[in-house]
Full PDB file with SEQRES, HELIX, SHEET, SSBOND, CRYST1, ORIGX, SCALE, CONECT and MASTER records, all heavy atoms in Angstrom:
SEQRES   1 A   42  THR GLN GLU PHE ILE ASP SER GLY TYR VAL ALA ALA GLN          
SEQRES   2 A   42  ARG LYS ILE ALA GLU ILE ARG GLN PHE VAL LEU ASP SER          
SEQRES   3 A   42  VAL SER PRO ALA GLU ARG ILE ALA LYS ARG LYS ALA PHE          
SEQRES   4 A   42  ASN ASP LEU                                                  
HELIX    1 AA1 GLN A    2  ARG A   14  1                                  13    
HELIX    2 AA2 ILE A   16  ARG A   20  1                                   5    
HELIX    3 AA3 PRO A   29  ASP A   41  1                                  13    
CRYST1    1.000    1.000    1.000  90.00  90.00  90.00 P 1           1          
ORIGX1      1.000000  0.000000  0.000000        0.00000                         
ORIGX2      0.000000  1.000000  0.000000        0.00000                         
ORIGX3      0.000000  0.000000  1.000000        0.00000                         
SCALE1      1.000000  0.000000  0.000000        0.00000                         
SCALE2      0.000000  1.000000  0.000000        0.00000                         
SCALE3      0.000000  0.000000  1.000000        0.00000                         
ATOM      1  N   THR A   1     231.695 275.397 145.055  1.00  0.00           N  
ATOM      2  CA  THR A   1     230.429 275.156 145.739  1.00  0.00           C  
ATOM      3  C   THR A   1     230.183 276.152 146.863  1.00  0.00           C  
ATOM      4  O   THR A   1     229.098 276.721 146.956  1.00  0.00           O  
ATOM      5  CB  THR A   1     230.395 273.715 146.298  1.00  0.00           C  
ATOM      6  OG1 THR A   1     230.605 272.812 145.217  1.00  0.00           O  
ATOM      7  CG2 THR A   1     229.074 273.415 146.960  1.00  0.00           C  
ATOM      8  N   GLN A   2     231.153 276.363 147.718  1.00  0.00           N  
ATOM      9  CA  GLN A   2     230.953 277.281 148.843  1.00  0.00           C  
ATOM     10  C   GLN A   2     230.653 278.697 148.359  1.00  0.00           C  
ATOM     11  O   GLN A   2     229.813 279.386 148.922  1.00  0.00           O  
ATOM     12  CB  GLN A   2     232.169 277.282 149.779  1.00  0.00           C  
ATOM     13  CG  GLN A   2     231.908 278.011 151.087  1.00  0.00           C  
ATOM     14  CD  GLN A   2     230.746 277.413 151.872  1.00  0.00           C  
ATOM     15  OE1 GLN A   2     230.690 276.207 152.104  1.00  0.00           O  
ATOM     16  NE2 GLN A   2     229.802 278.245 152.271  1.00  0.00           N  
ATOM     17  N   GLU A   3     231.316 279.123 147.282  1.00  0.00           N  
ATOM     18  CA  GLU A   3     231.048 280.458 146.740  1.00  0.00           C  
ATOM     19  C   GLU A   3     229.608 280.554 146.236  1.00  0.00           C  
ATOM     20  O   GLU A   3     228.943 281.576 146.430  1.00  0.00           O  
ATOM     21  CB  GLU A   3     232.025 280.803 145.605  1.00  0.00           C  
ATOM     22  CG  GLU A   3     233.441 281.042 146.064  1.00  0.00           C  
ATOM     23  CD  GLU A   3     234.299 279.789 146.034  1.00  0.00           C  
ATOM     24  OE1 GLU A   3     233.759 278.662 146.068  1.00  0.00           O  
ATOM     25  OE2 GLU A   3     235.519 279.926 145.985  1.00  0.00           O  
ATOM     26  N   PHE A   4     229.109 279.486 145.606  1.00  0.00           N  
ATOM     27  CA  PHE A   4     227.730 279.478 145.119  1.00  0.00           C  
ATOM     28  C   PHE A   4     226.743 279.546 146.288  1.00  0.00           C  
ATOM     29  O   PHE A   4     225.748 280.274 146.248  1.00  0.00           O  
ATOM     30  CB  PHE A   4     227.444 278.242 144.272  1.00  0.00           C  
ATOM     31  CG  PHE A   4     228.245 278.173 143.006  1.00  0.00           C  
ATOM     32  CD1 PHE A   4     228.681 276.963 142.511  1.00  0.00           C  
ATOM     33  CD2 PHE A   4     228.576 279.320 142.303  1.00  0.00           C  
ATOM     34  CE1 PHE A   4     229.422 276.890 141.335  1.00  0.00           C  
ATOM     35  CE2 PHE A   4     229.315 279.264 141.123  1.00  0.00           C  
ATOM     36  CZ  PHE A   4     229.736 278.047 140.646  1.00  0.00           C  
ATOM     37  N   ILE A   5     227.033 278.797 147.331  1.00  0.00           N  
ATOM     38  CA  ILE A   5     226.172 278.812 148.517  1.00  0.00           C  
ATOM     39  C   ILE A   5     226.163 280.204 149.128  1.00  0.00           C  
ATOM     40  O   ILE A   5     225.103 280.757 149.445  1.00  0.00           O  
ATOM     41  CB  ILE A   5     226.633 277.756 149.537  1.00  0.00           C  
ATOM     42  CG1 ILE A   5     226.392 276.345 148.988  1.00  0.00           C  
ATOM     43  CG2 ILE A   5     225.918 277.946 150.876  1.00  0.00           C  
ATOM     44  CD1 ILE A   5     227.034 275.237 149.794  1.00  0.00           C  
ATOM     45  N   ASP A   6     227.338 280.788 149.295  1.00  0.00           N  
ATOM     46  CA  ASP A   6     227.433 282.127 149.877  1.00  0.00           C  
ATOM     47  C   ASP A   6     226.705 283.154 149.024  1.00  0.00           C  
ATOM     48  O   ASP A   6     226.013 284.042 149.536  1.00  0.00           O  
ATOM     49  CB  ASP A   6     228.896 282.532 150.054  1.00  0.00           C  
ATOM     50  CG  ASP A   6     229.621 281.682 151.087  1.00  0.00           C  
ATOM     51  OD1 ASP A   6     228.948 281.018 151.900  1.00  0.00           O  
ATOM     52  OD2 ASP A   6     230.868 281.679 151.068  1.00  0.00           O  
ATOM     53  N   SER A   7     226.841 283.059 147.725  1.00  0.00           N  
ATOM     54  CA  SER A   7     226.180 283.980 146.812  1.00  0.00           C  
ATOM     55  C   SER A   7     224.661 283.863 146.930  1.00  0.00           C  
ATOM     56  O   SER A   7     223.951 284.871 146.960  1.00  0.00           O  
ATOM     57  CB  SER A   7     226.625 283.686 145.373  1.00  0.00           C  
ATOM     58  OG  SER A   7     225.938 284.507 144.476  1.00  0.00           O  
ATOM     59  N   GLY A   8     224.168 282.653 147.020  1.00  0.00           N  
ATOM     60  CA  GLY A   8     222.736 282.439 147.190  1.00  0.00           C  
ATOM     61  C   GLY A   8     222.236 282.982 148.514  1.00  0.00           C  
ATOM     62  O   GLY A   8     221.155 283.573 148.601  1.00  0.00           O  
ATOM     63  N   TYR A   9     223.040 282.821 149.554  1.00  0.00           N  
ATOM     64  CA  TYR A   9     222.668 283.333 150.874  1.00  0.00           C  
ATOM     65  C   TYR A   9     222.560 284.855 150.847  1.00  0.00           C  
ATOM     66  O   TYR A   9     221.591 285.435 151.331  1.00  0.00           O  
ATOM     67  CB  TYR A   9     223.695 282.887 151.916  1.00  0.00           C  
ATOM     68  CG  TYR A   9     223.400 283.402 153.300  1.00  0.00           C  
ATOM     69  CD1 TYR A   9     222.469 282.759 154.113  1.00  0.00           C  
ATOM     70  CD2 TYR A   9     224.044 284.529 153.801  1.00  0.00           C  
ATOM     71  CE1 TYR A   9     222.189 283.229 155.373  1.00  0.00           C  
ATOM     72  CE2 TYR A   9     223.769 285.005 155.061  1.00  0.00           C  
ATOM     73  CZ  TYR A   9     222.830 284.354 155.850  1.00  0.00           C  
ATOM     74  OH  TYR A   9     222.540 284.824 157.100  1.00  0.00           O  
ATOM     75  N   VAL A  10     223.537 285.502 150.262  1.00  0.00           N  
ATOM     76  CA  VAL A  10     223.534 286.970 150.172  1.00  0.00           C  
ATOM     77  C   VAL A  10     222.338 287.440 149.343  1.00  0.00           C  
ATOM     78  O   VAL A  10     221.643 288.396 149.715  1.00  0.00           O  
ATOM     79  CB  VAL A  10     224.867 287.481 149.579  1.00  0.00           C  
ATOM     80  CG1 VAL A  10     224.784 288.961 149.254  1.00  0.00           C  
ATOM     81  CG2 VAL A  10     226.016 287.215 150.545  1.00  0.00           C  
ATOM     82  N   ALA A  11     222.050 286.772 148.244  1.00  0.00           N  
ATOM     83  CA  ALA A  11     220.911 287.142 147.401  1.00  0.00           C  
ATOM     84  C   ALA A  11     219.600 286.992 148.177  1.00  0.00           C  
ATOM     85  O   ALA A  11     218.714 287.852 148.083  1.00  0.00           O  
ATOM     86  CB  ALA A  11     220.886 286.291 146.133  1.00  0.00           C  
ATOM     87  N   ALA A  12     219.472 285.933 148.951  1.00  0.00           N  
ATOM     88  CA  ALA A  12     218.264 285.727 149.749  1.00  0.00           C  
ATOM     89  C   ALA A  12     218.133 286.797 150.819  1.00  0.00           C  
ATOM     90  O   ALA A  12     217.039 287.316 151.069  1.00  0.00           O  
ATOM     91  CB  ALA A  12     218.277 284.335 150.380  1.00  0.00           C  
ATOM     92  N   GLN A  13     219.242 287.155 151.457  1.00  0.00           N  
ATOM     93  CA  GLN A  13     219.218 288.213 152.481  1.00  0.00           C  
ATOM     94  C   GLN A  13     218.717 289.524 151.880  1.00  0.00           C  
ATOM     95  O   GLN A  13     217.956 290.249 152.516  1.00  0.00           O  
ATOM     96  CB  GLN A  13     220.616 288.414 153.079  1.00  0.00           C  
ATOM     97  CG  GLN A  13     221.076 287.301 153.973  1.00  0.00           C  
ATOM     98  CD  GLN A  13     220.272 287.247 155.268  1.00  0.00           C  
ATOM     99  OE1 GLN A  13     219.729 288.222 155.729  1.00  0.00           O  
ATOM    100  NE2 GLN A  13     220.192 286.063 155.848  1.00  0.00           N  
ATOM    101  N   ARG A  14     219.128 289.824 150.674  1.00  0.00           N  
ATOM    102  CA  ARG A  14     218.696 291.059 150.016  1.00  0.00           C  
ATOM    103  C   ARG A  14     217.198 291.050 149.706  1.00  0.00           C  
ATOM    104  O   ARG A  14     216.588 292.101 149.579  1.00  0.00           O  
ATOM    105  CB  ARG A  14     219.481 291.264 148.720  1.00  0.00           C  
ATOM    106  CG  ARG A  14     220.920 291.618 148.948  1.00  0.00           C  
ATOM    107  CD  ARG A  14     221.629 291.849 147.632  1.00  0.00           C  
ATOM    108  NE  ARG A  14     223.042 292.107 147.860  1.00  0.00           N  
ATOM    109  CZ  ARG A  14     224.003 291.744 147.047  1.00  0.00           C  
ATOM    110  NH1 ARG A  14     223.724 291.127 145.912  1.00  0.00           N  
ATOM    111  NH2 ARG A  14     225.265 292.017 147.327  1.00  0.00           N  
ATOM    112  N   LYS A  15     216.611 289.887 149.552  1.00  0.00           N  
ATOM    113  CA  LYS A  15     215.209 289.766 149.162  1.00  0.00           C  
ATOM    114  C   LYS A  15     214.263 289.540 150.349  1.00  0.00           C  
ATOM    115  O   LYS A  15     213.058 289.386 150.148  1.00  0.00           O  
ATOM    116  CB  LYS A  15     215.043 288.601 148.178  1.00  0.00           C  
ATOM    117  CG  LYS A  15     215.714 288.809 146.849  1.00  0.00           C  
ATOM    118  CD  LYS A  15     214.916 289.768 146.029  1.00  0.00           C  
ATOM    119  CE  LYS A  15     215.447 289.826 144.604  1.00  0.00           C  
ATOM    120  NZ  LYS A  15     214.609 290.665 143.774  1.00  0.00           N  
ATOM    121  N   ILE A  16     214.775 289.515 151.569  1.00  0.00           N  
ATOM    122  CA  ILE A  16     213.930 289.183 152.722  1.00  0.00           C  
ATOM    123  C   ILE A  16     212.723 290.105 152.828  1.00  0.00           C  
ATOM    124  O   ILE A  16     211.600 289.652 153.041  1.00  0.00           O  
ATOM    125  CB  ILE A  16     214.752 289.183 154.028  1.00  0.00           C  
ATOM    126  CG1 ILE A  16     215.569 287.899 154.083  1.00  0.00           C  
ATOM    127  CG2 ILE A  16     213.852 289.283 155.253  1.00  0.00           C  
ATOM    128  CD1 ILE A  16     216.420 287.738 155.303  1.00  0.00           C  
ATOM    129  N   ALA A  17     212.909 291.410 152.675  1.00  0.00           N  
ATOM    130  CA  ALA A  17     211.776 292.332 152.768  1.00  0.00           C  
ATOM    131  C   ALA A  17     210.713 291.992 151.724  1.00  0.00           C  
ATOM    132  O   ALA A  17     209.508 292.009 152.013  1.00  0.00           O  
ATOM    133  CB  ALA A  17     212.256 293.766 152.601  1.00  0.00           C  
ATOM    134  N   GLU A  18     211.138 291.686 150.529  1.00  0.00           N  
ATOM    135  CA  GLU A  18     210.209 291.323 149.458  1.00  0.00           C  
ATOM    136  C   GLU A  18     209.518 289.992 149.755  1.00  0.00           C  
ATOM    137  O   GLU A  18     208.308 289.838 149.550  1.00  0.00           O  
ATOM    138  CB  GLU A  18     210.977 291.232 148.146  1.00  0.00           C  
ATOM    139  CG  GLU A  18     210.118 291.041 146.932  1.00  0.00           C  
ATOM    140  CD  GLU A  18     210.949 291.028 145.655  1.00  0.00           C  
ATOM    141  OE1 GLU A  18     211.996 291.710 145.584  1.00  0.00           O  
ATOM    142  OE2 GLU A  18     210.538 290.306 144.736  1.00  0.00           O  
ATOM    143  N   ILE A  19     210.256 289.050 150.276  1.00  0.00           N  
ATOM    144  CA  ILE A  19     209.707 287.733 150.605  1.00  0.00           C  
ATOM    145  C   ILE A  19     208.654 287.857 151.700  1.00  0.00           C  
ATOM    146  O   ILE A  19     207.614 287.207 151.654  1.00  0.00           O  
ATOM    147  CB  ILE A  19     210.839 286.765 151.037  1.00  0.00           C  
ATOM    148  CG1 ILE A  19     211.739 286.452 149.840  1.00  0.00           C  
ATOM    149  CG2 ILE A  19     210.274 285.494 151.645  1.00  0.00           C  
ATOM    150  CD1 ILE A  19     213.033 285.757 150.210  1.00  0.00           C  
ATOM    151  N   ARG A  20     208.901 288.737 152.671  1.00  0.00           N  
ATOM    152  CA  ARG A  20     207.957 288.895 153.785  1.00  0.00           C  
ATOM    153  C   ARG A  20     206.598 289.391 153.333  1.00  0.00           C  
ATOM    154  O   ARG A  20     205.608 289.199 154.027  1.00  0.00           O  
ATOM    155  CB  ARG A  20     208.548 289.815 154.840  1.00  0.00           C  
ATOM    156  CG  ARG A  20     209.641 289.120 155.602  1.00  0.00           C  
ATOM    157  CD  ARG A  20     210.011 289.856 156.840  1.00  0.00           C  
ATOM    158  NE  ARG A  20     211.058 289.064 157.524  1.00  0.00           N  
ATOM    159  CZ  ARG A  20     211.758 289.480 158.513  1.00  0.00           C  
ATOM    160  NH1 ARG A  20     211.572 290.681 158.988  1.00  0.00           N  
ATOM    161  NH2 ARG A  20     212.665 288.706 159.052  1.00  0.00           N  
ATOM    162  N   GLN A  21     206.513 290.018 152.196  1.00  0.00           N  
ATOM    163  CA  GLN A  21     205.224 290.462 151.669  1.00  0.00           C  
ATOM    164  C   GLN A  21     204.306 289.278 151.386  1.00  0.00           C  
ATOM    165  O   GLN A  21     203.085 289.423 151.392  1.00  0.00           O  
ATOM    166  CB  GLN A  21     205.416 291.267 150.380  1.00  0.00           C  
ATOM    167  CG  GLN A  21     206.135 292.572 150.571  1.00  0.00           C  
ATOM    168  CD  GLN A  21     206.381 293.281 149.248  1.00  0.00           C  
ATOM    169  OE1 GLN A  21     205.792 292.947 148.227  1.00  0.00           O  
ATOM    170  NE2 GLN A  21     207.267 294.255 149.274  1.00  0.00           N  
ATOM    171  N   PHE A  22     204.888 288.112 151.144  1.00  0.00           N  
ATOM    172  CA  PHE A  22     204.114 286.930 150.824  1.00  0.00           C  
ATOM    173  C   PHE A  22     203.741 286.113 152.059  1.00  0.00           C  
ATOM    174  O   PHE A  22     202.972 285.161 151.970  1.00  0.00           O  
ATOM    175  CB  PHE A  22     204.876 286.045 149.833  1.00  0.00           C  
ATOM    176  CG  PHE A  22     205.108 286.710 148.513  1.00  0.00           C  
ATOM    177  CD1 PHE A  22     206.336 287.275 148.216  1.00  0.00           C  
ATOM    178  CD2 PHE A  22     204.088 286.797 147.586  1.00  0.00           C  
ATOM    179  CE1 PHE A  22     206.552 287.903 147.001  1.00  0.00           C  
ATOM    180  CE2 PHE A  22     204.287 287.426 146.371  1.00  0.00           C  
ATOM    181  CZ  PHE A  22     205.522 287.983 146.073  1.00  0.00           C  
ATOM    182  N   VAL A  23     204.298 286.479 153.208  1.00  0.00           N  
ATOM    183  CA  VAL A  23     203.990 285.773 154.443  1.00  0.00           C  
ATOM    184  C   VAL A  23     202.664 286.323 154.959  1.00  0.00           C  
ATOM    185  O   VAL A  23     202.550 287.505 155.280  1.00  0.00           O  
ATOM    186  CB  VAL A  23     205.109 285.963 155.490  1.00  0.00           C  
ATOM    187  CG1 VAL A  23     204.724 285.299 156.806  1.00  0.00           C  
ATOM    188  CG2 VAL A  23     206.421 285.416 154.967  1.00  0.00           C  
ATOM    189  N   LEU A  24     201.656 285.480 155.006  1.00  0.00           N  
ATOM    190  CA  LEU A  24     200.324 285.932 155.373  1.00  0.00           C  
ATOM    191  C   LEU A  24     200.174 286.170 156.868  1.00  0.00           C  
ATOM    192  O   LEU A  24     199.438 287.048 157.290  1.00  0.00           O  
ATOM    193  CB  LEU A  24     199.283 284.918 154.897  1.00  0.00           C  
ATOM    194  CG  LEU A  24     199.282 284.668 153.386  1.00  0.00           C  
ATOM    195  CD1 LEU A  24     198.269 283.589 153.034  1.00  0.00           C  
ATOM    196  CD2 LEU A  24     198.989 285.954 152.640  1.00  0.00           C  
ATOM    197  N   ASP A  25     200.825 285.391 157.654  1.00  0.00           N  
ATOM    198  CA  ASP A  25     200.778 285.596 159.097  1.00  0.00           C  
ATOM    199  C   ASP A  25     202.073 285.096 159.706  1.00  0.00           C  
ATOM    200  O   ASP A  25     202.833 284.364 159.096  1.00  0.00           O  
ATOM    201  CB  ASP A  25     199.584 284.876 159.720  1.00  0.00           C  
ATOM    202  CG  ASP A  25     199.648 283.360 159.563  1.00  0.00           C  
ATOM    203  OD1 ASP A  25     200.513 282.869 158.830  1.00  0.00           O  
ATOM    204  OD2 ASP A  25     198.821 282.669 160.163  1.00  0.00           O  
ATOM    205  N   SER A  26     202.305 285.549 160.890  1.00  0.00           N  
ATOM    206  CA  SER A  26     203.483 285.056 161.584  1.00  0.00           C  
ATOM    207  C   SER A  26     203.052 284.635 162.981  1.00  0.00           C  
ATOM    208  O   SER A  26     202.075 285.134 163.526  1.00  0.00           O  
ATOM    209  CB  SER A  26     204.579 286.121 161.652  1.00  0.00           C  
ATOM    210  OG  SER A  26     204.106 287.257 162.337  1.00  0.00           O  
ATOM    211  N   VAL A  27     203.765 283.715 163.522  1.00  0.00           N  
ATOM    212  CA  VAL A  27     203.442 283.157 164.821  1.00  0.00           C  
ATOM    213  C   VAL A  27     204.638 283.394 165.734  1.00  0.00           C  
ATOM    214  O   VAL A  27     205.777 283.111 165.349  1.00  0.00           O  
ATOM    215  CB  VAL A  27     203.139 281.644 164.689  1.00  0.00           C  
ATOM    216  CG1 VAL A  27     202.844 281.027 166.029  1.00  0.00           C  
ATOM    217  CG2 VAL A  27     201.989 281.416 163.728  1.00  0.00           C  
ATOM    218  N   SER A  28     204.365 283.881 166.915  1.00  0.00           N  
ATOM    219  CA  SER A  28     205.451 284.116 167.865  1.00  0.00           C  
ATOM    220  C   SER A  28     206.003 282.766 168.332  1.00  0.00           C  
ATOM    221  O   SER A  28     205.312 281.745 168.265  1.00  0.00           O  
ATOM    222  CB  SER A  28     204.951 284.916 169.060  1.00  0.00           C  
ATOM    223  OG  SER A  28     204.121 284.098 169.875  1.00  0.00           O  
ATOM    224  N   PRO A  29     207.223 282.772 168.842  1.00  0.00           N  
ATOM    225  CA  PRO A  29     207.778 281.511 169.365  1.00  0.00           C  
ATOM    226  C   PRO A  29     206.892 280.898 170.454  1.00  0.00           C  
ATOM    227  O   PRO A  29     206.711 279.687 170.500  1.00  0.00           O  
ATOM    228  CB  PRO A  29     209.139 281.921 169.913  1.00  0.00           C  
ATOM    229  CG  PRO A  29     209.523 283.111 169.093  1.00  0.00           C  
ATOM    230  CD  PRO A  29     208.223 283.836 168.832  1.00  0.00           C  
ATOM    231  N   ALA A  30     206.314 281.736 171.318  1.00  0.00           N  
ATOM    232  CA  ALA A  30     205.442 281.217 172.385  1.00  0.00           C  
ATOM    233  C   ALA A  30     204.196 280.555 171.797  1.00  0.00           C  
ATOM    234  O   ALA A  30     203.767 279.492 172.267  1.00  0.00           O  
ATOM    235  CB  ALA A  30     205.047 282.338 173.339  1.00  0.00           C  
ATOM    236  N   GLU A  31     203.605 281.179 170.757  1.00  0.00           N  
ATOM    237  CA  GLU A  31     202.434 280.587 170.104  1.00  0.00           C  
ATOM    238  C   GLU A  31     202.787 279.268 169.433  1.00  0.00           C  
ATOM    239  O   GLU A  31     202.018 278.299 169.486  1.00  0.00           O  
ATOM    240  CB  GLU A  31     201.865 281.538 169.057  1.00  0.00           C  
ATOM    241  CG  GLU A  31     201.167 282.753 169.626  1.00  0.00           C  
ATOM    242  CD  GLU A  31     200.734 283.704 168.535  1.00  0.00           C  
ATOM    243  OE1 GLU A  31     201.608 284.227 167.815  1.00  0.00           O  
ATOM    244  OE2 GLU A  31     199.507 283.910 168.390  1.00  0.00           O  
ATOM    245  N   ARG A  32     203.949 279.232 168.787  1.00  0.00           N  
ATOM    246  CA  ARG A  32     204.382 278.007 168.111  1.00  0.00           C  
ATOM    247  C   ARG A  32     204.572 276.887 169.127  1.00  0.00           C  
ATOM    248  O   ARG A  32     204.146 275.747 168.905  1.00  0.00           O  
ATOM    249  CB  ARG A  32     205.670 278.256 167.327  1.00  0.00           C  
ATOM    250  CG  ARG A  32     206.098 277.057 166.500  1.00  0.00           C  
ATOM    251  CD  ARG A  32     207.337 277.318 165.659  1.00  0.00           C  
ATOM    252  NE  ARG A  32     208.491 277.676 166.465  1.00  0.00           N  
ATOM    253  CZ  ARG A  32     209.023 278.898 166.532  1.00  0.00           C  
ATOM    254  NH1 ARG A  32     208.512 279.885 165.844  1.00  0.00           N  
ATOM    255  NH2 ARG A  32     210.075 279.127 167.287  1.00  0.00           N  
ATOM    256  N   ILE A  33     205.180 277.200 170.254  1.00  0.00           N  
ATOM    257  CA  ILE A  33     205.396 276.194 171.308  1.00  0.00           C  
ATOM    258  C   ILE A  33     204.056 275.696 171.833  1.00  0.00           C  
ATOM    259  O   ILE A  33     203.856 274.495 172.041  1.00  0.00           O  
ATOM    260  CB  ILE A  33     206.279 276.776 172.426  1.00  0.00           C  
ATOM    261  CG1 ILE A  33     207.711 276.959 171.914  1.00  0.00           C  
ATOM    262  CG2 ILE A  33     206.252 275.890 173.660  1.00  0.00           C  
ATOM    263  CD1 ILE A  33     208.591 277.790 172.824  1.00  0.00           C  
ATOM    264  N   ALA A  34     203.098 276.627 172.057  1.00  0.00           N  
ATOM    265  CA  ALA A  34     201.782 276.242 172.564  1.00  0.00           C  
ATOM    266  C   ALA A  34     201.052 275.361 171.557  1.00  0.00           C  
ATOM    267  O   ALA A  34     200.424 274.358 171.936  1.00  0.00           O  
ATOM    268  CB  ALA A  34     200.956 277.488 172.882  1.00  0.00           C  
ATOM    269  N   LYS A  35     201.118 275.704 170.269  1.00  0.00           N  
ATOM    270  CA  LYS A  35     200.472 274.893 169.242  1.00  0.00           C  
ATOM    271  C   LYS A  35     201.097 273.505 169.163  1.00  0.00           C  
ATOM    272  O   LYS A  35     200.397 272.498 169.024  1.00  0.00           O  
ATOM    273  CB  LYS A  35     200.562 275.582 167.884  1.00  0.00           C  
ATOM    274  CG  LYS A  35     199.640 276.751 167.738  1.00  0.00           C  
ATOM    275  CD  LYS A  35     199.751 277.358 166.350  1.00  0.00           C  
ATOM    276  CE  LYS A  35     198.780 278.499 166.173  1.00  0.00           C  
ATOM    277  NZ  LYS A  35     198.705 278.971 164.797  1.00  0.00           N  
ATOM    278  N   ARG A  36     202.408 273.447 169.243  1.00  0.00           N  
ATOM    279  CA  ARG A  36     203.103 272.161 169.182  1.00  0.00           C  
ATOM    280  C   ARG A  36     202.725 271.291 170.383  1.00  0.00           C  
ATOM    281  O   ARG A  36     202.483 270.095 170.253  1.00  0.00           O  
ATOM    282  CB  ARG A  36     204.616 272.397 169.142  1.00  0.00           C  
ATOM    283  CG  ARG A  36     205.413 271.131 168.919  1.00  0.00           C  
ATOM    284  CD  ARG A  36     206.867 271.438 168.691  1.00  0.00           C  
ATOM    285  NE  ARG A  36     207.022 272.088 167.397  1.00  0.00           N  
ATOM    286  CZ  ARG A  36     208.014 272.914 167.097  1.00  0.00           C  
ATOM    287  NH1 ARG A  36     208.937 273.190 167.986  1.00  0.00           N  
ATOM    288  NH2 ARG A  36     208.101 273.451 165.907  1.00  0.00           N  
ATOM    289  N   LYS A  37     202.650 271.921 171.570  1.00  0.00           N  
ATOM    290  CA  LYS A  37     202.284 271.183 172.777  1.00  0.00           C  
ATOM    291  C   LYS A  37     200.852 270.656 172.665  1.00  0.00           C  
ATOM    292  O   LYS A  37     200.579 269.501 172.992  1.00  0.00           O  
ATOM    293  CB  LYS A  37     202.421 272.051 174.016  1.00  0.00           C  
ATOM    294  CG  LYS A  37     202.099 271.307 175.304  1.00  0.00           C  
ATOM    295  CD  LYS A  37     202.263 272.188 176.513  1.00  0.00           C  
ATOM    296  CE  LYS A  37     201.943 271.508 177.815  1.00  0.00           C  
ATOM    297  NZ  LYS A  37     200.999 270.434 177.833  1.00  0.00           N  
ATOM    298  N   ALA A  38     199.926 271.514 172.186  1.00  0.00           N  
ATOM    299  CA  ALA A  38     198.532 271.083 172.028  1.00  0.00           C  
ATOM    300  C   ALA A  38     198.439 269.912 171.060  1.00  0.00           C  
ATOM    301  O   ALA A  38     197.685 268.952 171.301  1.00  0.00           O  
ATOM    302  CB  ALA A  38     197.677 272.254 171.543  1.00  0.00           C  
ATOM    303  N   PHE A  39     199.195 269.964 169.974  1.00  0.00           N  
ATOM    304  CA  PHE A  39     199.211 268.866 169.010  1.00  0.00           C  
ATOM    305  C   PHE A  39     199.765 267.596 169.644  1.00  0.00           C  
ATOM    306  O   PHE A  39     199.173 266.514 169.529  1.00  0.00           O  
ATOM    307  CB  PHE A  39     200.039 269.255 167.789  1.00  0.00           C  
ATOM    308  CG  PHE A  39     200.215 268.131 166.807  1.00  0.00           C  
ATOM    309  CD1 PHE A  39     199.210 267.795 165.927  1.00  0.00           C  
ATOM    310  CD2 PHE A  39     201.405 267.414 166.767  1.00  0.00           C  
ATOM    311  CE1 PHE A  39     199.371 266.757 165.021  1.00  0.00           C  
ATOM    312  CE2 PHE A  39     201.577 266.374 165.874  1.00  0.00           C  
ATOM    313  CZ  PHE A  39     200.552 266.043 165.002  1.00  0.00           C  
ATOM    314  N   ASN A  40     200.893 267.720 170.324  1.00  0.00           N  
ATOM    315  CA  ASN A  40     201.521 266.544 170.927  1.00  0.00           C  
ATOM    316  C   ASN A  40     200.691 265.959 172.060  1.00  0.00           C  
ATOM    317  O   ASN A  40     200.724 264.757 172.294  1.00  0.00           O  
ATOM    318  CB  ASN A  40     202.932 266.876 171.404  1.00  0.00           C  
ATOM    319  CG  ASN A  40     203.909 266.984 170.257  1.00  0.00           C  
ATOM    320  OD1 ASN A  40     203.788 266.273 169.262  1.00  0.00           O  
ATOM    321  ND2 ASN A  40     204.859 267.883 170.369  1.00  0.00           N  
ATOM    322  N   ASP A  41     199.931 266.805 172.761  1.00  0.00           N  
ATOM    323  CA  ASP A  41     199.085 266.304 173.848  1.00  0.00           C  
ATOM    324  C   ASP A  41     197.950 265.426 173.324  1.00  0.00           C  
ATOM    325  O   ASP A  41     197.389 264.630 174.071  1.00  0.00           O  
ATOM    326  CB  ASP A  41     198.503 267.473 174.651  1.00  0.00           C  
ATOM    327  CG  ASP A  41     199.543 268.130 175.544  1.00  0.00           C  
ATOM    328  OD1 ASP A  41     200.643 267.546 175.726  1.00  0.00           O  
ATOM    329  OD2 ASP A  41     199.273 269.241 176.050  1.00  0.00           O  
ATOM    330  N   LEU A  42     197.597 265.571 172.047  1.00  0.00           N  
ATOM    331  CA  LEU A  42     196.536 264.751 171.454  1.00  0.00           C  
ATOM    332  C   LEU A  42     197.015 263.348 171.084  1.00  0.00           C  
ATOM    333  O   LEU A  42     196.197 262.452 170.882  1.00  0.00           O  
ATOM    334  CB  LEU A  42     195.974 265.434 170.198  1.00  0.00           C  
ATOM    335  CG  LEU A  42     195.243 266.751 170.426  1.00  0.00           C  
ATOM    336  CD1 LEU A  42     194.879 267.379 169.086  1.00  0.00           C  
ATOM    337  CD2 LEU A  42     194.013 266.557 171.289  1.00  0.00           C  
TER     338      LEU A  42                                                      
MASTER        0    0    0    3    0    0    0    6  337    1    0    4          
END                                                                             
């Protein structure tokens, strides 16, 4: 099991650049915190 998990992790690491092509936008940690706070304040 651990070998399978490690193998999957390594395969995912190799594909990160390709995966990022599908990410339409990214949010900075500060923006995420502000959005979460605005949501929770409601």
